[in-house]
Amino acid sequence: MPGGTVVPVSPAPTPDDVLRVLVCITRAEAGGAQVHVRDLLVGLSDRVALTLVVGEDGFLVDQARAHGIPVHVVPSLQREIDAGRDLAAVRALRRIVAEVQPHLVHTHSSKAGLVGRLAARLEGVPALHTAHSWAFSDGIPRRRKAVAIPLEAVASRWTRRFVVVSGADREVGMRYRVARDRQVRIVHNGVVDTALRARPDADGVPVIVMVARLATPKDPILLLDALATIDAPWRLRLVGDGPDRPQVEAHIARLELGDRVELLGLRDDVDAVLADAQIFVLVSRQEGFPLSILEGMRAGLPVIASDVGGVAEAVDDQGTGLLVARDDRAGLARALERLLVDPAERAAMGAAGRRRFEEAFTVDQMLRGTVAVYAELAAELGLPAPAGGAP
């Protein structure tokens, strides 16, 4: 398929009095940003006329089509930097903008954020960008930051609003002068609720679950190293897949943990897996505001997580879980052992986490926050308001 080819899926006409938003993201894999976009598309489709642009087929495209959202697949929109393909992507996005005539372009992820905002600028359409975590966040290698910061600084001139998923991301964006205070709105992530609940204090060998893509910036190797030092009984289930799976498998074999660690791969029943666990863990070098932690809290599990990015805005240290410094293997081992041997503390923290989820991190609060940003921009720019007005 040629680099600039666009594969449309019968976009439906929309009335002039409905706010039209073109949503643009690079990848279609079942990752956190894609689940976030899926929930926006599904949850806001009765208030805003939405169209999706994405660089590949996959999970997100299937989900959008299943819910009747018009989709354009632009194969030249890829994560890697390639001048020829990137220019083809800009041209393709400009054609789509001219066809759909959105009132706003809403971009997600670094590459789609740059390409989508440039295309919007060239077509005279205002843009907003959701930073699920900056490409120059703390924990990102210095060489990558050196490329990302000037690019994002230029793109910020084409950005009416930044939506950040945590206060930590707001601070990083302003520290590097990519985002100005008046541009930034914080909308914490949220996840859809389910009926399944865990029993953190259940009898038997405690089950630990980590839900994550097996790739940087996640650090399952550090988790395995910490667990290998613990004498208390435990079992670990890793949910997810990715390019680092061979290294994870080799490390499990090297530590002789094969009888205690299960690699479950990609699952569409994560809520059921969590309901059968006693502890949720997420070990990372860098994060935005991870959905998987919210899923653990939703299940009523205590959370052990790396204190990076916006994680501390979700996990109340010593209240709903335990936070551990980045790369701190000894601290991680201590946190794991503390909860492994104390069912009562697991239950108390899990119950507190469930209450915190209900108060702050449901998908409804995320949708209300996003609609509020759309409504604010619509009023500022004289555009049609979302159906139902501002929340």
Protein backbone atom coordinates (compact mmCIF):
# COMPACT_ATOMS: atom_id res chain seq x y z
CA MET A 1 0.00 0.00 0.00
CA PRO A 2 1.51 3.38 -0.99
CA GLY A 3 2.72 5.52 1.90
CA GLY A 4 0.15 8.29 1.48
CA THR A 5 -2.85 6.13 0.64
CA VAL A 6 -5.96 6.85 2.70
CA VAL A 7 -8.46 4.09 3.35
CA PRO A 8 -11.76 5.74 4.34
CA VAL A 9 -14.77 4.03 5.86
CA SER A 10 -17.92 5.83 4.69
CA PRO A 11 -17.92 8.94 6.89
CA ALA A 12 -21.48 9.97 7.65
CA PRO A 13 -22.64 13.53 6.93
CA THR A 14 -23.26 15.64 10.03
CA PRO A 15 -25.48 18.69 10.57
CA ASP A 16 -23.84 22.10 10.70
CA ASP A 17 -24.92 22.66 14.31
CA VAL A 18 -22.99 19.67 15.68
CA LEU A 19 -19.39 20.07 16.83
CA ARG A 20 -17.19 18.01 14.50
CA VAL A 21 -13.92 16.67 15.93
CA LEU A 22 -11.24 14.79 13.98
CA VAL A 23 -9.34 12.50 16.39
CA CYS A 24 -5.83 11.49 15.30
CA ILE A 25 -3.50 8.87 16.81
CA THR A 26 -0.53 6.94 15.45
CA ARG A 27 -0.97 3.32 16.54
CA ALA A 28 -4.05 1.07 16.73
CA GLU A 29 -2.62 -1.48 19.18
CA ALA A 30 -4.43 -2.28 22.43
CA GLY A 31 -2.41 0.14 24.55
CA GLY A 32 -3.41 2.68 27.17
CA ALA A 33 -3.68 5.66 24.79
CA GLN A 34 -5.75 3.60 22.35
CA VAL A 35 -8.15 2.41 25.05
CA HIS A 36 -8.46 6.05 26.17
CA VAL A 37 -9.32 7.13 22.60
CA ARG A 38 -11.76 4.22 22.21
CA ASP A 39 -13.58 5.32 25.37
CA LEU A 40 -13.74 8.91 24.12
CA LEU A 41 -15.11 7.82 20.75
CA VAL A 42 -17.76 5.59 22.28
CA GLY A 43 -18.65 7.83 25.21
CA LEU A 44 -18.88 11.12 23.32
CA SER A 45 -20.47 9.95 20.07
CA ASP A 46 -23.91 11.21 21.16
CA ARG A 47 -22.55 14.69 21.93
CA VAL A 48 -19.93 15.29 19.22
CA ALA A 49 -19.57 14.17 15.58
CA LEU A 50 -16.30 12.20 15.71
CA THR A 51 -14.01 10.86 12.98
CA LEU A 52 -10.89 8.79 13.65
CA VAL A 53 -7.56 8.94 11.81
CA VAL A 54 -4.98 6.26 12.64
CA GLY A 55 -1.80 4.93 11.04
CA GLU A 56 -2.71 1.23 10.92
CA ASP A 57 -5.45 -1.33 11.25
CA GLY A 58 -5.90 -3.06 14.59
CA PHE A 59 -7.72 -2.92 17.91
CA LEU A 60 -8.71 0.75 17.81
CA VAL A 61 -9.94 0.63 14.21
CA ASP A 62 -12.03 -2.47 14.97
CA GLN A 63 -13.52 -0.83 18.05
CA ALA A 64 -14.33 2.41 16.22
CA ARG A 65 -15.97 0.62 13.30
CA ALA A 66 -17.97 -1.58 15.65
CA HIS A 67 -19.47 1.58 17.16
CA GLY A 68 -20.17 3.28 13.85
CA ILE A 69 -17.34 5.83 14.05
CA PRO A 70 -15.97 6.85 10.61
CA VAL A 71 -12.31 5.81 10.23
CA HIS A 72 -9.47 6.85 7.93
CA VAL A 73 -6.35 4.64 7.93
CA VAL A 74 -3.21 6.52 6.84
CA PRO A 75 -0.34 3.99 6.49
CA SER A 76 2.28 6.73 6.16
CA LEU A 77 1.47 7.85 9.73
CA GLN A 78 4.10 5.85 11.59
CA ARG A 79 5.96 6.22 14.88
CA GLU A 80 9.46 6.29 13.34
CA ILE A 81 10.86 9.55 11.95
CA ASP A 82 11.02 9.37 8.16
CA ALA A 83 10.89 12.63 6.20
CA GLY A 84 9.26 11.14 3.10
CA ARG A 85 6.57 9.23 4.96
CA ASP A 86 5.96 12.09 7.38
CA LEU A 87 5.35 14.53 4.50
CA ALA A 88 3.02 11.97 2.90
CA ALA A 89 1.16 11.73 6.19
CA VAL A 90 0.77 15.51 6.38
CA ARG A 91 -0.61 15.57 2.82
CA ALA A 92 -3.03 12.74 3.64
CA LEU A 93 -4.19 14.46 6.83
CA ARG A 94 -4.76 17.71 4.94
CA ARG A 95 -6.99 15.87 2.44
CA ILE A 96 -8.97 14.32 5.27
CA VAL A 97 -9.37 17.64 7.07
CA ALA A 98 -10.59 19.23 3.81
CA GLU A 99 -13.07 16.38 3.33
CA VAL A 100 -14.40 16.07 6.89
CA GLN A 101 -14.24 19.82 7.64
CA PRO A 102 -13.90 19.38 11.40
CA HIS A 103 -14.27 22.27 13.78
CA LEU A 104 -11.40 20.87 15.90
CA VAL A 105 -8.52 18.42 15.39
CA HIS A 106 -7.73 16.46 18.56
CA THR A 107 -4.39 14.63 18.44
CA HIS A 108 -2.97 11.89 20.67
CA SER A 109 0.60 10.43 20.80
CA SER A 110 3.80 12.17 19.74
CA LYS A 111 3.95 11.56 15.99
CA ALA A 112 0.24 11.99 15.32
CA GLY A 113 0.43 15.06 17.53
CA LEU A 114 3.08 16.67 15.33
CA VAL A 115 1.64 15.58 11.97
CA GLY A 116 -1.97 16.20 12.91
CA ARG A 117 -1.39 19.67 14.36
CA LEU A 118 0.69 20.69 11.33
CA ALA A 119 -2.05 19.53 8.94
CA ALA A 120 -4.66 21.36 11.02
CA ARG A 121 -2.55 24.53 10.99
CA LEU A 122 -2.13 24.40 7.23
CA GLU A 123 -5.89 23.92 6.77
CA GLY A 124 -6.77 26.68 9.24
CA VAL A 125 -8.43 24.40 11.82
CA PRO A 126 -7.78 24.84 15.58
CA ALA A 127 -6.13 21.88 17.32
CA LEU A 128 -5.79 20.44 20.79
CA HIS A 129 -3.37 17.74 21.87
CA THR A 130 -3.60 15.13 24.64
CA ALA A 131 -0.20 14.32 26.14
CA HIS A 132 -0.54 10.83 27.60
CA SER A 133 3.05 11.36 28.71
CA TRP A 134 5.50 13.69 27.01
CA ALA A 135 8.27 12.39 24.76
CA PHE A 136 10.61 14.36 27.06
CA SER A 137 9.20 13.25 30.42
CA ASP A 138 11.44 12.38 33.36
CA GLY A 139 13.00 8.98 32.71
CA ILE A 140 13.28 9.49 28.92
CA PRO A 141 16.87 9.26 27.58
CA ARG A 142 18.56 12.62 27.09
CA ARG A 143 19.14 12.10 23.36
CA ARG A 144 15.42 11.57 22.76
CA LYS A 145 14.62 14.66 24.79
CA ALA A 146 17.01 16.72 22.68
CA VAL A 147 14.93 15.89 19.60
CA ALA A 148 11.48 15.99 21.18
CA ILE A 149 11.64 19.30 23.05
CA PRO A 150 12.27 21.62 20.06
CA LEU A 151 9.71 19.77 17.92
CA GLU A 152 7.05 20.03 20.62
CA ALA A 153 7.94 23.67 21.26
CA VAL A 154 7.21 24.46 17.60
CA ALA A 155 4.00 22.40 17.59
CA SER A 156 2.79 24.21 20.72
CA ARG A 157 2.36 27.33 18.57
CA TRP A 158 -0.32 25.44 16.63
CA THR A 159 -2.07 24.18 19.78
CA ARG A 160 -5.09 25.88 21.32
CA ARG A 161 -5.20 23.52 24.30
CA PHE A 162 -3.08 20.78 25.83
CA VAL A 163 -5.00 18.11 27.71
CA VAL A 164 -2.65 16.40 30.15
CA VAL A 165 -3.60 13.25 32.05
CA SER A 166 -1.80 14.26 35.24
CA GLY A 167 -0.53 17.25 37.16
CA ALA A 168 2.95 15.78 36.79
CA ASP A 169 2.66 16.05 32.99
CA ARG A 170 1.47 19.64 33.34
CA GLU A 171 4.58 20.44 35.39
CA VAL A 172 6.91 18.79 32.84
CA GLY A 173 5.32 20.58 29.89
CA MET A 174 5.68 23.94 31.59
CA ARG A 175 9.18 23.23 32.90
CA TYR A 176 10.46 22.76 29.34
CA ARG A 177 8.37 25.72 28.09
CA VAL A 178 6.46 23.56 25.66
CA ALA A 179 3.09 24.38 27.23
CA ARG A 180 1.92 27.61 28.84
CA ASP A 181 -0.35 27.66 31.86
CA ARG A 182 -3.31 29.12 29.96
CA GLN A 183 -3.10 26.32 27.38
CA VAL A 184 -3.17 23.37 29.79
CA ARG A 185 -6.16 21.48 31.20
CA ILE A 186 -5.79 18.39 33.41
CA VAL A 187 -8.19 15.53 32.71
CA HIS A 188 -7.25 12.40 34.62
CA ASN A 189 -7.79 9.09 32.86
CA GLY A 190 -10.76 6.96 33.78
CA VAL A 191 -11.82 3.38 33.03
CA VAL A 192 -15.17 1.68 32.54
CA ASP A 193 -16.43 -0.08 35.66
CA THR A 194 -17.12 -3.82 35.84
CA ALA A 195 -18.94 -6.06 38.31
CA LEU A 196 -15.91 -8.26 39.08
CA ARG A 197 -14.11 -7.75 42.40
CA ALA A 198 -10.97 -9.25 43.89
CA ARG A 199 -10.53 -10.80 47.34
CA PRO A 200 -7.14 -9.46 48.43
CA ASP A 201 -7.25 -11.40 51.72
CA ALA A 202 -8.15 -14.76 50.15
CA ASP A 203 -6.45 -17.86 51.55
CA GLY A 204 -3.65 -19.59 49.68
CA VAL A 205 -0.56 -18.39 47.85
CA PRO A 206 -1.04 -14.68 46.98
CA VAL A 207 -1.25 -13.92 43.27
CA ILE A 208 0.46 -10.77 41.97
CA VAL A 209 -0.64 -9.34 38.60
CA MET A 210 1.13 -6.81 36.40
CA VAL A 211 -0.76 -5.61 33.31
CA ALA A 212 1.62 -3.92 30.88
CA ARG A 213 3.10 -3.95 27.39
CA LEU A 214 6.38 -5.86 27.54
CA ALA A 215 8.46 -2.96 26.28
CA THR A 216 10.19 0.17 27.55
CA PRO A 217 9.33 2.03 29.76
CA LYS A 218 7.81 -0.90 31.68
CA ASP A 219 10.34 -2.85 33.78
CA PRO A 220 9.20 -6.43 34.42
CA ILE A 221 12.87 -7.48 34.76
CA LEU A 222 13.19 -5.37 37.92
CA LEU A 223 10.01 -6.96 39.28
CA LEU A 224 11.39 -10.46 38.66
CA ASP A 225 14.68 -9.55 40.34
CA ALA A 226 12.83 -8.22 43.40
CA LEU A 227 10.57 -11.25 43.67
CA ALA A 228 13.54 -13.61 43.42
CA THR A 229 14.82 -12.24 46.75
CA ILE A 230 11.58 -12.87 48.67
CA ASP A 231 11.12 -15.98 50.83
CA ALA A 232 7.36 -15.60 51.30
CA PRO A 233 5.18 -17.63 48.89
CA TRP A 234 3.89 -15.84 45.79
CA ARG A 235 2.80 -16.33 42.18
CA LEU A 236 3.12 -13.76 39.41
CA ARG A 237 0.97 -13.33 36.31
CA LEU A 238 2.17 -10.95 33.60
CA VAL A 239 -0.62 -9.78 31.29
CA GLY A 240 0.49 -8.25 28.01
CA ASP A 241 2.89 -8.77 25.15
CA GLY A 242 5.53 -6.81 23.29
CA PRO A 243 9.03 -6.79 21.82
CA ASP A 244 10.72 -7.45 25.18
CA ARG A 245 8.93 -10.76 25.76
CA PRO A 246 11.96 -12.89 24.74
CA GLN A 247 14.15 -11.06 27.29
CA VAL A 248 11.50 -11.55 29.98
CA GLU A 249 11.24 -15.26 29.20
CA ALA A 250 15.02 -15.63 29.30
CA HIS A 251 15.20 -13.81 32.64
CA ILE A 252 12.52 -16.05 34.15
CA ALA A 253 14.55 -19.07 33.08
CA ARG A 254 17.80 -17.56 34.38
CA LEU A 255 16.23 -16.95 37.81
CA GLU A 256 14.57 -20.40 37.74
CA LEU A 257 11.13 -18.90 38.35
CA GLY A 258 9.29 -20.79 35.64
CA ASP A 259 7.04 -22.61 38.11
CA ARG A 260 5.94 -19.33 39.77
CA VAL A 261 5.54 -16.92 36.82
CA GLU A 262 2.89 -17.08 34.09
CA LEU A 263 3.06 -15.03 30.89
CA LEU A 264 -0.58 -14.69 29.91
CA GLY A 265 -0.06 -12.55 26.82
CA LEU A 266 -2.80 -10.25 25.55
CA ARG A 267 -6.14 -10.84 27.26
CA ASP A 268 -9.61 -9.44 26.73
CA ASP A 269 -10.68 -10.50 30.23
CA VAL A 270 -8.29 -8.41 32.33
CA ASP A 271 -11.05 -7.70 34.84
CA ALA A 272 -11.41 -11.44 35.46
CA VAL A 273 -7.65 -11.91 35.82
CA LEU A 274 -7.53 -9.09 38.37
CA ALA A 275 -10.51 -10.50 40.26
CA ASP A 276 -8.47 -13.67 40.80
CA ALA A 277 -5.47 -11.79 42.25
CA GLN A 278 -4.45 -10.37 45.63
CA ILE A 279 -1.93 -7.64 44.63
CA PHE A 280 -1.59 -5.39 41.58
CA VAL A 281 1.87 -4.16 40.62
CA LEU A 282 3.22 -1.84 37.92
CA VAL A 283 6.98 -1.35 37.67
CA SER A 284 8.02 1.38 35.22
CA ARG A 285 10.77 3.86 34.48
CA GLN A 286 8.35 6.48 33.16
CA GLU A 287 4.56 6.91 33.03
CA GLY A 288 1.80 9.37 32.31
CA PHE A 289 -1.30 8.23 34.20
CA PRO A 290 -1.56 4.47 33.60
CA LEU A 291 -4.96 2.90 33.03
CA SER A 292 -3.80 -0.43 34.38
CA ILE A 293 -3.40 1.01 37.89
CA LEU A 294 -6.98 2.29 37.71
CA GLU A 295 -8.09 -1.20 36.67
CA GLY A 296 -6.34 -2.65 39.71
CA MET A 297 -8.06 -0.12 41.98
CA ARG A 298 -11.38 -0.82 40.26
CA ALA A 299 -10.99 -4.50 41.17
CA GLY A 300 -10.35 -3.58 44.81
CA LEU A 301 -6.67 -4.56 44.81
CA PRO A 302 -3.84 -2.90 46.73
CA VAL A 303 -1.39 -1.33 44.28
CA ILE A 304 2.41 -1.39 44.36
CA ALA A 305 3.82 0.93 41.72
CA SER A 306 6.87 2.92 40.68
CA ASP A 307 6.57 6.53 41.80
CA VAL A 308 6.97 8.06 38.34
CA GLY A 309 4.91 10.49 36.28
CA GLY A 310 1.38 10.92 37.60
CA VAL A 311 1.23 7.60 39.47
CA ALA A 312 1.17 9.33 42.87
CA GLU A 313 -1.98 11.18 41.80
CA ALA A 314 -3.77 7.83 41.60
CA VAL A 315 -2.09 5.78 44.34
CA ASP A 316 -2.25 7.12 47.89
CA ASP A 317 1.02 5.84 49.37
CA GLN A 318 0.32 3.86 52.56
CA GLY A 319 -3.43 4.30 51.92
CA THR A 320 -4.44 2.56 48.69
CA GLY A 321 -1.04 1.02 48.05
CA LEU A 322 2.71 1.48 48.22
CA LEU A 323 4.90 3.66 46.01
CA VAL A 324 8.52 2.74 45.23
CA ALA A 325 11.25 4.91 43.71
CA ARG A 326 12.31 4.30 40.11
CA ASP A 327 14.87 1.45 39.79
CA ASP A 328 14.71 0.67 43.54
CA ARG A 329 14.88 -3.13 43.62
CA ALA A 330 15.32 -3.36 47.40
CA GLY A 331 12.43 -0.98 48.05
CA LEU A 332 10.23 -2.93 45.64
CA ALA A 333 11.08 -6.19 47.39
CA ARG A 334 10.21 -4.67 50.78
CA ALA A 335 6.85 -3.42 49.52
CA LEU A 336 5.99 -6.77 47.95
CA GLU A 337 6.96 -8.74 51.06
CA ARG A 338 4.98 -6.38 53.31
CA LEU A 339 1.73 -7.05 51.45
CA LEU A 340 2.43 -10.72 50.72
CA VAL A 341 2.50 -11.54 54.44
CA ASP A 342 -0.39 -9.28 55.55
CA PRO A 343 -3.84 -10.20 54.15
CA ALA A 344 -5.60 -7.65 56.38
CA GLU A 345 -3.53 -4.77 55.04
CA ARG A 346 -4.11 -5.97 51.49
CA ALA A 347 -7.87 -5.93 52.10
CA ALA A 348 -7.84 -2.48 53.72
CA MET A 349 -5.76 -0.91 50.95
CA GLY A 350 -7.83 -2.63 48.26
CA ALA A 351 -11.08 -1.30 49.72
CA ALA A 352 -9.63 2.21 49.94
CA GLY A 353 -8.47 1.95 46.32
CA ARG A 354 -11.94 0.92 45.18
CA ARG A 355 -13.46 3.95 46.92
CA ARG A 356 -10.85 6.20 45.34
CA PHE A 357 -11.67 4.79 41.91
CA GLU A 358 -15.38 5.45 42.36
CA GLU A 359 -14.72 9.02 43.49
CA ALA A 360 -12.24 10.12 40.84
CA PHE A 361 -11.35 7.70 38.07
CA THR A 362 -14.48 6.43 36.35
CA VAL A 363 -14.80 6.84 32.61
CA ASP A 364 -17.66 9.31 33.19
CA GLN A 365 -15.40 11.83 34.92
CA MET A 366 -12.91 11.57 32.04
CA LEU A 367 -15.68 12.16 29.49
CA ARG A 368 -17.01 15.15 31.45
CA GLY A 369 -13.53 16.65 31.61
CA THR A 370 -12.97 16.22 27.88
CA VAL A 371 -16.36 17.67 26.96
CA ALA A 372 -15.61 20.64 29.19
CA VAL A 373 -12.45 21.35 27.14
CA TYR A 374 -14.41 21.02 23.88
CA ALA A 375 -17.14 23.34 25.20
CA GLU A 376 -14.58 25.90 26.38
CA LEU A 377 -12.92 25.99 22.96
CA ALA A 378 -16.27 26.11 21.16
CA ALA A 379 -17.32 29.16 23.20
CA GLU A 380 -13.95 30.82 22.70
CA LEU A 381 -13.89 30.27 18.94
CA GLY A 382 -17.59 30.68 18.14
CA LEU A 383 -18.05 27.00 17.20
CA PRO A 384 -21.10 24.78 17.75
CA ALA A 385 -21.17 23.51 21.34
CA PRO A 386 -21.21 19.79 22.17
CA ALA A 387 -24.77 18.47 22.32
CA GLY A 388 -26.16 19.11 25.79
CA GLY A 389 -23.83 22.06 26.30
CA ALA A 390 -21.02 22.17 28.83
CA PRO A 391 -21.13 19.56 31.65
